Amino acid sequence: MALIEKYHVVAAERPVATGQTIKEGQIVSLNTSGEVVIQGVGVGEGVIPYGIAGDTKSTSASSMPGIVSGWQNRASDYFDETKASGKMTVYHSGGEFATDMYHSSVASAAVGAPLYAVSGMLKTADDQSSGIVARLTQPAGLYPSGTPGVDVTGDAALTGAAANNYYVEIKLVI
């Protein structure tokens, strides 16, 4: 449930549609009112990917990299990083990111493989005719946390939502 911004081109701020629960790192679209929704949600809207969510809008858990579900970085917001402004950071127009928001099919994909958005998650099959949203630049694996340890080249591994706390690295193409 995390996104690590390595390089980004555009960090837009968009209003979030009412009733959405969006985790940082999920692929998002815009509804007909120009509000952020999870890609693939809704009939006739929210199908065309717009970008990758840089914030979390939730009522039950934080989605910060390496944070155990239930830990709150800002207690007054109750897991909702969009609460103050009603807007979400959405990265688009390119960049490189590490994320744990992917379907299990991505874990075994080859470097350079095209990735598509299916209900907000990266996947190797274009089940929702989203078109290519990213290219895989680093296969699934442990990601260093910056804390001394033994998991990844002298670092402790960053925890995440994916199996075995694995992250993939991608080049965003939307």
N, C-alpha and C. Protein backbone atom coordinates (compact mmCIF):
# COMPACT_ATOMS: atom_id res chain seq x y z
N MET A 1 0.84 -1.17 0.00
CA MET A 1 0.00 0.00 0.00
C MET A 1 0.88 1.24 0.00
N ALA A 2 1.80 1.28 -0.96
CA ALA A 2 2.74 2.38 -0.89
C ALA A 2 3.27 2.77 -2.26
N LEU A 3 3.75 3.99 -2.32
CA LEU A 3 4.39 4.52 -3.51
C LEU A 3 5.66 5.22 -3.07
N ILE A 4 6.75 4.89 -3.75
CA ILE A 4 8.02 5.56 -3.51
C ILE A 4 8.33 6.35 -4.77
N GLU A 5 8.36 7.65 -4.63
CA GLU A 5 8.62 8.54 -5.76
C GLU A 5 10.12 8.65 -5.98
N LYS A 6 10.61 8.08 -7.07
CA LYS A 6 12.04 8.18 -7.38
C LYS A 6 12.28 9.44 -8.23
N TYR A 7 11.53 9.57 -9.31
CA TYR A 7 11.56 10.75 -10.17
C TYR A 7 10.13 10.97 -10.65
N HIS A 8 9.68 12.22 -10.71
CA HIS A 8 8.35 12.46 -11.27
C HIS A 8 8.38 13.70 -12.13
N VAL A 9 7.43 13.77 -13.06
CA VAL A 9 7.36 14.88 -13.99
C VAL A 9 6.32 15.89 -13.49
N VAL A 10 5.07 15.47 -13.38
CA VAL A 10 4.00 16.38 -12.95
C VAL A 10 3.34 15.82 -11.70
N ALA A 11 3.23 16.67 -10.69
CA ALA A 11 2.50 16.32 -9.47
C ALA A 11 1.29 17.23 -9.41
N ALA A 12 0.18 16.76 -9.95
CA ALA A 12 -1.05 17.56 -10.00
C ALA A 12 -1.84 17.40 -8.70
N GLU A 13 -2.68 18.37 -8.40
CA GLU A 13 -3.61 18.26 -7.28
C GLU A 13 -5.02 18.23 -7.85
N ARG A 14 -5.76 17.18 -7.52
CA ARG A 14 -7.11 17.00 -8.04
C ARG A 14 -8.07 16.73 -6.90
N PRO A 15 -9.31 17.23 -6.98
CA PRO A 15 -10.31 16.90 -5.96
C PRO A 15 -10.66 15.41 -6.04
N VAL A 16 -11.00 14.84 -4.88
CA VAL A 16 -11.33 13.41 -4.80
C VAL A 16 -12.83 13.24 -4.73
N ALA A 17 -13.35 12.31 -5.51
CA ALA A 17 -14.80 12.04 -5.52
C ALA A 17 -15.24 11.52 -4.16
N THR A 18 -16.42 11.90 -3.75
CA THR A 18 -16.99 11.46 -2.48
C THR A 18 -17.13 9.95 -2.44
N GLY A 19 -16.81 9.38 -1.29
CA GLY A 19 -17.00 7.94 -1.10
C GLY A 19 -15.85 7.07 -1.59
N GLN A 20 -14.79 7.66 -2.11
CA GLN A 20 -13.67 6.87 -2.62
C GLN A 20 -12.72 6.47 -1.49
N THR A 21 -12.18 5.27 -1.58
CA THR A 21 -11.06 4.83 -0.76
C THR A 21 -9.95 4.51 -1.73
N ILE A 22 -8.91 5.33 -1.69
CA ILE A 22 -7.81 5.20 -2.65
C ILE A 22 -6.51 5.09 -1.87
N LYS A 23 -5.71 4.08 -2.20
CA LYS A 23 -4.42 3.88 -1.55
C LYS A 23 -3.32 4.49 -2.40
N GLU A 24 -2.37 5.09 -1.72
CA GLU A 24 -1.20 5.63 -2.39
C GLU A 24 -0.58 4.54 -3.26
N GLY A 25 -0.31 4.85 -4.54
CA GLY A 25 0.26 3.88 -5.46
C GLY A 25 -0.74 3.25 -6.40
N GLN A 26 -2.04 3.44 -6.18
CA GLN A 26 -3.04 2.90 -7.10
C GLN A 26 -3.18 3.81 -8.32
N ILE A 27 -3.55 3.21 -9.44
CA ILE A 27 -3.80 3.98 -10.66
C ILE A 27 -5.19 4.60 -10.54
N VAL A 28 -5.28 5.89 -10.86
CA VAL A 28 -6.55 6.60 -10.73
C VAL A 28 -6.96 7.22 -12.07
N SER A 29 -8.24 7.52 -12.17
CA SER A 29 -8.84 8.16 -13.33
C SER A 29 -9.62 9.37 -12.85
N LEU A 30 -10.20 10.08 -13.79
CA LEU A 30 -11.07 11.21 -13.46
C LEU A 30 -12.50 10.86 -13.85
N ASN A 31 -13.45 11.24 -12.98
CA ASN A 31 -14.85 11.04 -13.35
C ASN A 31 -15.31 12.22 -14.21
N THR A 32 -16.56 12.27 -14.59
CA THR A 32 -17.05 13.33 -15.48
C THR A 32 -17.05 14.70 -14.83
N SER A 33 -16.88 14.75 -13.50
CA SER A 33 -16.78 16.03 -12.79
C SER A 33 -15.34 16.46 -12.58
N GLY A 34 -14.39 15.67 -13.10
CA GLY A 34 -12.98 15.99 -12.95
C GLY A 34 -12.40 15.59 -11.60
N GLU A 35 -13.11 14.70 -10.89
CA GLU A 35 -12.66 14.25 -9.57
C GLU A 35 -11.93 12.91 -9.70
N VAL A 36 -10.99 12.67 -8.80
CA VAL A 36 -10.21 11.45 -8.80
C VAL A 36 -11.05 10.28 -8.30
N VAL A 37 -11.00 9.16 -9.06
CA VAL A 37 -11.62 7.89 -8.68
C VAL A 37 -10.62 6.79 -9.00
N ILE A 38 -10.79 5.63 -8.37
CA ILE A 38 -9.94 4.49 -8.73
C ILE A 38 -10.21 4.12 -10.17
N GLN A 39 -9.18 3.90 -10.94
CA GLN A 39 -9.34 3.54 -12.36
C GLN A 39 -10.20 2.30 -12.48
N GLY A 40 -11.14 2.35 -13.43
CA GLY A 40 -11.99 1.20 -13.70
C GLY A 40 -13.25 1.15 -12.88
N VAL A 41 -13.46 2.13 -12.01
CA VAL A 41 -14.66 2.16 -11.17
C VAL A 41 -15.69 3.05 -11.83
N GLY A 42 -16.92 2.60 -11.92
CA GLY A 42 -17.98 3.40 -12.52
C GLY A 42 -18.28 2.97 -13.94
N VAL A 43 -19.44 3.32 -14.41
CA VAL A 43 -19.86 2.99 -15.77
C VAL A 43 -19.67 4.22 -16.63
N GLY A 44 -18.86 4.10 -17.68
CA GLY A 44 -18.66 5.20 -18.60
C GLY A 44 -17.73 6.28 -18.10
N GLU A 45 -17.24 6.15 -16.88
CA GLU A 45 -16.28 7.13 -16.37
C GLU A 45 -15.24 6.41 -15.54
N GLY A 46 -14.10 7.04 -15.36
CA GLY A 46 -13.06 6.45 -14.56
C GLY A 46 -12.38 5.27 -15.20
N VAL A 47 -12.52 5.12 -16.52
CA VAL A 47 -11.91 3.99 -17.20
C VAL A 47 -10.53 4.34 -17.74
N ILE A 48 -10.36 5.54 -18.26
CA ILE A 48 -9.09 5.95 -18.84
C ILE A 48 -8.15 6.39 -17.72
N PRO A 49 -7.00 5.73 -17.57
CA PRO A 49 -6.07 6.08 -16.50
C PRO A 49 -5.56 7.52 -16.64
N TYR A 50 -5.49 8.22 -15.52
CA TYR A 50 -5.01 9.60 -15.49
C TYR A 50 -3.61 9.67 -14.87
N GLY A 51 -3.36 8.88 -13.83
CA GLY A 51 -2.06 8.92 -13.17
C GLY A 51 -2.01 7.96 -12.00
N ILE A 52 -1.02 8.15 -11.14
CA ILE A 52 -0.83 7.28 -9.99
C ILE A 52 -0.99 8.12 -8.72
N ALA A 53 -1.78 7.61 -7.78
CA ALA A 53 -2.10 8.34 -6.56
C ALA A 53 -0.86 8.53 -5.69
N GLY A 54 -0.65 9.76 -5.26
CA GLY A 54 0.47 10.08 -4.40
C GLY A 54 0.07 10.24 -2.95
N ASP A 55 -1.22 10.15 -2.66
CA ASP A 55 -1.75 10.28 -1.30
C ASP A 55 -2.74 9.14 -1.05
N THR A 56 -3.14 9.02 0.20
CA THR A 56 -4.14 8.01 0.57
C THR A 56 -5.39 8.69 1.08
N LYS A 57 -6.54 8.20 0.62
CA LYS A 57 -7.82 8.62 1.17
C LYS A 57 -8.47 7.34 1.70
N SER A 58 -8.46 7.20 3.02
CA SER A 58 -8.94 5.98 3.66
C SER A 58 -9.54 6.33 5.01
N THR A 59 -10.30 5.42 5.55
CA THR A 59 -10.83 5.58 6.91
C THR A 59 -10.33 4.48 7.83
N SER A 60 -9.46 3.59 7.30
CA SER A 60 -9.06 2.44 8.11
C SER A 60 -7.57 2.19 8.23
N ALA A 61 -6.74 2.74 7.34
CA ALA A 61 -5.31 2.43 7.42
C ALA A 61 -4.46 3.43 6.66
N SER A 62 -3.25 3.62 7.14
CA SER A 62 -2.27 4.43 6.45
C SER A 62 -1.68 3.61 5.31
N SER A 63 -1.26 4.26 4.24
CA SER A 63 -0.63 3.56 3.13
C SER A 63 0.78 4.07 2.88
N MET A 64 1.38 4.65 3.89
CA MET A 64 2.75 5.14 3.74
C MET A 64 3.69 3.96 3.61
N PRO A 65 4.79 4.10 2.81
CA PRO A 65 5.74 3.00 2.66
C PRO A 65 6.30 2.56 4.01
N GLY A 66 6.28 1.26 4.26
CA GLY A 66 6.87 0.71 5.46
C GLY A 66 6.07 0.88 6.73
N ILE A 67 4.85 1.39 6.62
CA ILE A 67 4.04 1.66 7.81
C ILE A 67 3.06 0.51 8.02
N VAL A 68 3.04 0.00 9.22
CA VAL A 68 2.11 -1.07 9.56
C VAL A 68 0.69 -0.51 9.55
N SER A 69 -0.23 -1.25 8.98
CA SER A 69 -1.62 -0.82 8.94
C SER A 69 -2.11 -0.47 10.33
N GLY A 70 -2.74 0.68 10.45
CA GLY A 70 -3.25 1.10 11.74
C GLY A 70 -2.41 2.19 12.39
N TRP A 71 -1.18 2.39 11.90
CA TRP A 71 -0.36 3.47 12.42
C TRP A 71 -0.79 4.77 11.74
N GLN A 72 -0.93 5.83 12.49
CA GLN A 72 -1.40 7.09 11.91
C GLN A 72 -0.33 8.14 12.04
N ASN A 73 0.03 8.74 10.93
CA ASN A 73 1.06 9.77 10.96
C ASN A 73 0.49 11.13 11.38
N ARG A 74 -0.77 11.37 11.19
CA ARG A 74 -1.43 12.61 11.60
C ARG A 74 -2.76 12.23 12.21
N ALA A 75 -2.78 12.14 13.51
CA ALA A 75 -3.94 11.61 14.22
C ALA A 75 -5.24 12.34 13.89
N SER A 76 -5.16 13.64 13.66
CA SER A 76 -6.39 14.40 13.42
C SER A 76 -7.05 14.07 12.09
N ASP A 77 -6.30 13.46 11.17
CA ASP A 77 -6.84 13.17 9.83
C ASP A 77 -7.43 11.77 9.71
N TYR A 78 -7.26 10.93 10.70
CA TYR A 78 -7.81 9.57 10.67
C TYR A 78 -7.55 8.86 9.36
N PHE A 79 -6.29 8.77 8.95
CA PHE A 79 -5.82 8.04 7.76
C PHE A 79 -6.14 8.74 6.44
N ASP A 80 -6.69 9.93 6.47
CA ASP A 80 -7.11 10.62 5.25
C ASP A 80 -6.15 11.78 4.96
N GLU A 81 -5.19 11.55 4.06
CA GLU A 81 -4.22 12.58 3.71
C GLU A 81 -4.82 13.69 2.85
N THR A 82 -6.06 13.53 2.43
CA THR A 82 -6.72 14.54 1.61
C THR A 82 -7.71 15.38 2.41
N LYS A 83 -7.82 15.12 3.70
CA LYS A 83 -8.88 15.71 4.52
C LYS A 83 -8.87 17.24 4.53
N ALA A 84 -7.71 17.85 4.67
CA ALA A 84 -7.65 19.32 4.78
C ALA A 84 -8.07 20.03 3.51
N SER A 85 -7.59 19.58 2.36
CA SER A 85 -7.87 20.29 1.11
C SER A 85 -8.93 19.62 0.26
N GLY A 86 -9.19 18.33 0.48
CA GLY A 86 -10.10 17.57 -0.38
C GLY A 86 -9.45 17.20 -1.70
N LYS A 87 -8.13 17.45 -1.80
CA LYS A 87 -7.40 17.16 -3.05
C LYS A 87 -6.34 16.10 -2.81
N MET A 88 -6.03 15.39 -3.90
CA MET A 88 -5.04 14.33 -3.88
C MET A 88 -3.93 14.67 -4.85
N THR A 89 -2.70 14.35 -4.48
CA THR A 89 -1.58 14.45 -5.42
C THR A 89 -1.71 13.30 -6.40
N VAL A 90 -1.63 13.61 -7.68
CA VAL A 90 -1.67 12.58 -8.72
C VAL A 90 -0.49 12.82 -9.65
N TYR A 91 0.41 11.86 -9.73
CA TYR A 91 1.57 11.96 -10.62
C TYR A 91 1.16 11.48 -12.00
N HIS A 92 1.51 12.26 -13.02
CA HIS A 92 1.25 11.84 -14.39
C HIS A 92 2.32 12.40 -15.32
N SER A 93 2.27 12.05 -16.56
CA SER A 93 3.19 12.53 -17.59
C SER A 93 4.60 11.97 -17.44
N GLY A 94 4.74 10.82 -16.80
CA GLY A 94 6.03 10.15 -16.71
C GLY A 94 6.59 10.11 -15.30
N GLY A 95 7.74 9.48 -15.18
CA GLY A 95 8.42 9.36 -13.90
C GLY A 95 8.76 7.92 -13.60
N GLU A 96 9.55 7.74 -12.53
CA GLU A 96 9.91 6.41 -12.08
C GLU A 96 9.49 6.25 -10.63
N PHE A 97 8.88 5.12 -10.33
CA PHE A 97 8.31 4.88 -9.01
C PHE A 97 8.56 3.44 -8.60
N ALA A 98 8.54 3.20 -7.29
CA ALA A 98 8.48 1.84 -6.75
C ALA A 98 7.14 1.74 -6.05
N THR A 99 6.46 0.61 -6.23
CA THR A 99 5.14 0.44 -5.63
C THR A 99 4.89 -1.02 -5.28
N ASP A 100 4.01 -1.20 -4.31
CA ASP A 100 3.58 -2.56 -3.96
C ASP A 100 2.11 -2.77 -4.35
N MET A 101 1.57 -1.88 -5.17
CA MET A 101 0.18 -1.96 -5.60
C MET A 101 0.10 -2.62 -6.99
N TYR A 102 0.31 -3.93 -7.02
CA TYR A 102 0.29 -4.65 -8.29
C TYR A 102 -0.35 -6.02 -8.10
N HIS A 103 -0.89 -6.53 -9.20
CA HIS A 103 -1.49 -7.86 -9.25
C HIS A 103 -0.36 -8.89 -9.23
N SER A 104 -0.65 -10.08 -8.77
CA SER A 104 0.38 -11.12 -8.66
C SER A 104 1.04 -11.45 -10.00
N SER A 105 0.37 -11.19 -11.12
CA SER A 105 0.96 -11.48 -12.44
C SER A 105 2.21 -10.63 -12.69
N VAL A 106 2.30 -9.47 -12.08
CA VAL A 106 3.44 -8.57 -12.29
C VAL A 106 4.69 -9.11 -11.61
N ALA A 107 4.52 -9.87 -10.54
CA ALA A 107 5.66 -10.39 -9.78
C ALA A 107 6.59 -11.24 -10.63
N SER A 108 6.07 -11.90 -11.66
CA SER A 108 6.90 -12.77 -12.49
C SER A 108 7.15 -12.18 -13.88
N ALA A 109 6.79 -10.92 -14.10
CA ALA A 109 6.97 -10.28 -15.41
C ALA A 109 8.44 -9.93 -15.64
N ALA A 110 8.82 -9.87 -16.90
CA ALA A 110 10.19 -9.52 -17.27
C ALA A 110 10.37 -8.01 -17.31
N VAL A 111 11.59 -7.56 -17.08
CA VAL A 111 11.91 -6.14 -17.18
C VAL A 111 11.53 -5.65 -18.57
N GLY A 112 10.89 -4.51 -18.65
CA GLY A 112 10.43 -3.95 -19.92
C GLY A 112 9.00 -4.31 -20.27
N ALA A 113 8.40 -5.22 -19.52
CA ALA A 113 7.03 -5.67 -19.80
C ALA A 113 6.06 -4.50 -19.67
N PRO A 114 5.09 -4.42 -20.58
CA PRO A 114 4.06 -3.39 -20.44
C PRO A 114 3.12 -3.74 -19.29
N LEU A 115 2.71 -2.72 -18.54
CA LEU A 115 1.78 -2.92 -17.43
C LEU A 115 0.53 -2.10 -17.68
N TYR A 116 -0.60 -2.65 -17.32
CA TYR A 116 -1.90 -2.05 -17.54
C TYR A 116 -2.58 -1.80 -16.20
N ALA A 117 -3.62 -1.00 -16.20
CA ALA A 117 -4.37 -0.73 -14.97
C ALA A 117 -5.66 -1.53 -15.00
N VAL A 118 -5.89 -2.29 -13.94
CA VAL A 118 -7.12 -3.05 -13.78
C VAL A 118 -7.62 -2.78 -12.37
N SER A 119 -8.72 -2.04 -12.29
CA SER A 119 -9.29 -1.64 -11.00
C SER A 119 -8.26 -0.99 -10.08
N GLY A 120 -7.42 -0.16 -10.68
CA GLY A 120 -6.44 0.61 -9.94
C GLY A 120 -5.14 -0.09 -9.66
N MET A 121 -5.03 -1.36 -10.01
CA MET A 121 -3.81 -2.12 -9.74
C MET A 121 -3.06 -2.39 -11.05
N LEU A 122 -1.74 -2.46 -10.97
CA LEU A 122 -0.94 -2.79 -12.14
C LEU A 122 -1.08 -4.27 -12.44
N LYS A 123 -1.19 -4.60 -13.74
CA LYS A 123 -1.38 -5.99 -14.15
C LYS A 123 -0.74 -6.18 -15.51
N THR A 124 -0.40 -7.42 -15.86
CA THR A 124 0.24 -7.69 -17.15
C THR A 124 -0.77 -7.88 -18.28
N ALA A 125 -2.04 -8.03 -17.97
CA ALA A 125 -3.09 -8.20 -18.99
C ALA A 125 -3.99 -6.97 -18.99
N ASP A 126 -4.38 -6.53 -20.18
CA ASP A 126 -5.21 -5.34 -20.33
C ASP A 126 -6.69 -5.69 -20.25
N ASP A 127 -7.14 -6.17 -19.10
CA ASP A 127 -8.51 -6.64 -18.91
C ASP A 127 -9.56 -5.55 -19.03
N GLN A 128 -9.19 -4.28 -18.82
CA GLN A 128 -10.16 -3.19 -18.88
C GLN A 128 -9.86 -2.21 -20.01
N SER A 129 -9.08 -2.65 -20.99
CA SER A 129 -8.72 -1.82 -22.14
C SER A 129 -8.22 -0.44 -21.71
N SER A 130 -7.31 -0.44 -20.74
CA SER A 130 -6.77 0.81 -20.22
C SER A 130 -5.61 1.33 -21.05
N GLY A 131 -5.00 0.46 -21.85
CA GLY A 131 -3.78 0.83 -22.55
C GLY A 131 -2.61 0.74 -21.59
N ILE A 132 -1.41 0.81 -22.12
CA ILE A 132 -0.21 0.70 -21.30
C ILE A 132 -0.11 1.91 -20.38
N VAL A 133 0.07 1.67 -19.08
CA VAL A 133 0.22 2.77 -18.13
C VAL A 133 1.64 2.85 -17.59
N ALA A 134 2.40 1.74 -17.68
CA ALA A 134 3.76 1.74 -17.17
C ALA A 134 4.56 0.62 -17.82
N ARG A 135 5.87 0.70 -17.64
CA ARG A 135 6.78 -0.38 -18.06
C ARG A 135 7.56 -0.81 -16.82
N LEU A 136 7.74 -2.10 -16.68
CA LEU A 136 8.47 -2.64 -15.55
C LEU A 136 9.96 -2.37 -15.73
N THR A 137 10.60 -1.74 -14.74
CA THR A 137 12.03 -1.47 -14.83
C THR A 137 12.84 -2.29 -13.83
N GLN A 138 12.19 -2.83 -12.82
CA GLN A 138 12.85 -3.68 -11.83
C GLN A 138 11.83 -4.71 -11.35
N PRO A 139 12.17 -5.99 -11.45
CA PRO A 139 11.20 -7.01 -11.03
C PRO A 139 10.92 -6.95 -9.53
N ALA A 140 9.89 -7.67 -9.11
CA ALA A 140 9.48 -7.70 -7.71
C ALA A 140 10.63 -8.17 -6.82
N GLY A 141 10.79 -7.44 -5.74
CA GLY A 141 11.84 -7.79 -4.79
C GLY A 141 11.78 -6.89 -3.57
N LEU A 142 12.64 -7.17 -2.62
CA LEU A 142 12.70 -6.35 -1.41
C LEU A 142 13.23 -4.96 -1.77
N TYR A 143 12.76 -3.95 -1.03
CA TYR A 143 13.19 -2.57 -1.28
C TYR A 143 13.86 -2.06 -0.01
N PRO A 144 15.04 -1.45 -0.12
CA PRO A 144 15.74 -0.99 1.08
C PRO A 144 15.00 0.14 1.78
N SER A 145 15.00 0.09 3.11
CA SER A 145 14.27 1.09 3.90
C SER A 145 15.14 2.26 4.32
N GLY A 146 16.46 2.10 4.23
CA GLY A 146 17.35 3.14 4.71
C GLY A 146 17.73 2.94 6.17
N THR A 147 17.15 1.93 6.80
CA THR A 147 17.47 1.59 8.17
C THR A 147 18.49 0.45 8.15
N PRO A 148 19.59 0.56 8.89
CA PRO A 148 20.58 -0.51 8.88
C PRO A 148 19.96 -1.87 9.20
N GLY A 149 20.40 -2.86 8.47
CA GLY A 149 19.89 -4.21 8.65
C GLY A 149 20.60 -5.17 7.73
N VAL A 150 20.02 -6.33 7.52
CA VAL A 150 20.68 -7.37 6.73
C VAL A 150 19.87 -7.83 5.52
N ASP A 151 18.70 -7.28 5.29
CA ASP A 151 17.83 -7.78 4.22
C ASP A 151 18.29 -7.41 2.82
N VAL A 152 18.64 -6.14 2.60
CA VAL A 152 18.97 -5.65 1.26
C VAL A 152 20.24 -4.80 1.34
N THR A 153 21.37 -5.37 0.97
CA THR A 153 22.63 -4.65 0.90
C THR A 153 22.85 -3.73 2.10
N GLY A 154 22.80 -4.27 3.27
CA GLY A 154 23.06 -3.51 4.48
C GLY A 154 21.87 -2.74 5.03
N ASP A 155 20.72 -2.89 4.44
CA ASP A 155 19.50 -2.22 4.90
C ASP A 155 18.46 -3.25 5.33
N ALA A 156 17.55 -2.82 6.19
CA ALA A 156 16.37 -3.61 6.49
C ALA A 156 15.39 -3.41 5.34
N ALA A 157 14.63 -4.41 5.00
CA ALA A 157 13.65 -4.30 3.92
C ALA A 157 12.46 -3.47 4.36
N LEU A 158 11.92 -2.71 3.41
CA LEU A 158 10.71 -1.92 3.64
C LEU A 158 9.51 -2.86 3.63
N THR A 159 8.60 -2.70 4.58
CA THR A 159 7.41 -3.54 4.58
C THR A 159 6.42 -3.02 3.56
N GLY A 160 5.50 -3.86 3.11
CA GLY A 160 4.52 -3.45 2.12
C GLY A 160 3.33 -4.38 2.08
N ALA A 161 2.40 -4.07 1.19
CA ALA A 161 1.16 -4.84 1.10
C ALA A 161 1.30 -6.09 0.25
N ALA A 162 2.26 -6.11 -0.67
CA ALA A 162 2.40 -7.24 -1.58
C ALA A 162 3.02 -8.44 -0.87
N ALA A 163 2.89 -9.60 -1.49
CA ALA A 163 3.44 -10.82 -0.93
C ALA A 163 4.93 -10.65 -0.65
N ASN A 164 5.37 -11.09 0.49
CA ASN A 164 6.77 -11.02 0.90
C ASN A 164 7.31 -9.60 1.00
N ASN A 165 6.42 -8.60 1.11
CA ASN A 165 6.84 -7.19 1.17
C ASN A 165 7.61 -6.76 -0.08
N TYR A 166 7.28 -7.34 -1.23
CA TYR A 166 7.97 -7.02 -2.47
C TYR A 166 7.40 -5.76 -3.11
N TYR A 167 8.29 -5.03 -3.74
CA TYR A 167 7.95 -3.85 -4.53
C TYR A 167 8.44 -4.08 -5.95
N VAL A 168 7.77 -3.45 -6.91
CA VAL A 168 8.26 -3.41 -8.28
C VAL A 168 8.61 -1.97 -8.60
N GLU A 169 9.53 -1.79 -9.53
CA GLU A 169 9.87 -0.43 -9.98
C GLU A 169 9.35 -0.27 -11.39
N ILE A 170 8.75 0.89 -11.65
CA ILE A 170 8.11 1.13 -12.94
C ILE A 170 8.50 2.48 -13.51
N LYS A 171 8.34 2.58 -14.82
CA LYS A 171 8.42 3.86 -15.53
C LYS A 171 6.99 4.17 -15.94
N LEU A 172 6.43 5.25 -15.40
CA LEU A 172 5.06 5.63 -15.72
C LEU A 172 5.02 6.21 -17.12
N VAL A 173 4.06 5.78 -17.94
CA VAL A 173 3.97 6.28 -19.32
C VAL A 173 2.67 7.05 -19.59
N ILE A 174 1.87 7.29 -18.54
CA ILE A 174 0.66 8.09 -18.72
C ILE A 174 0.86 9.43 -18.05
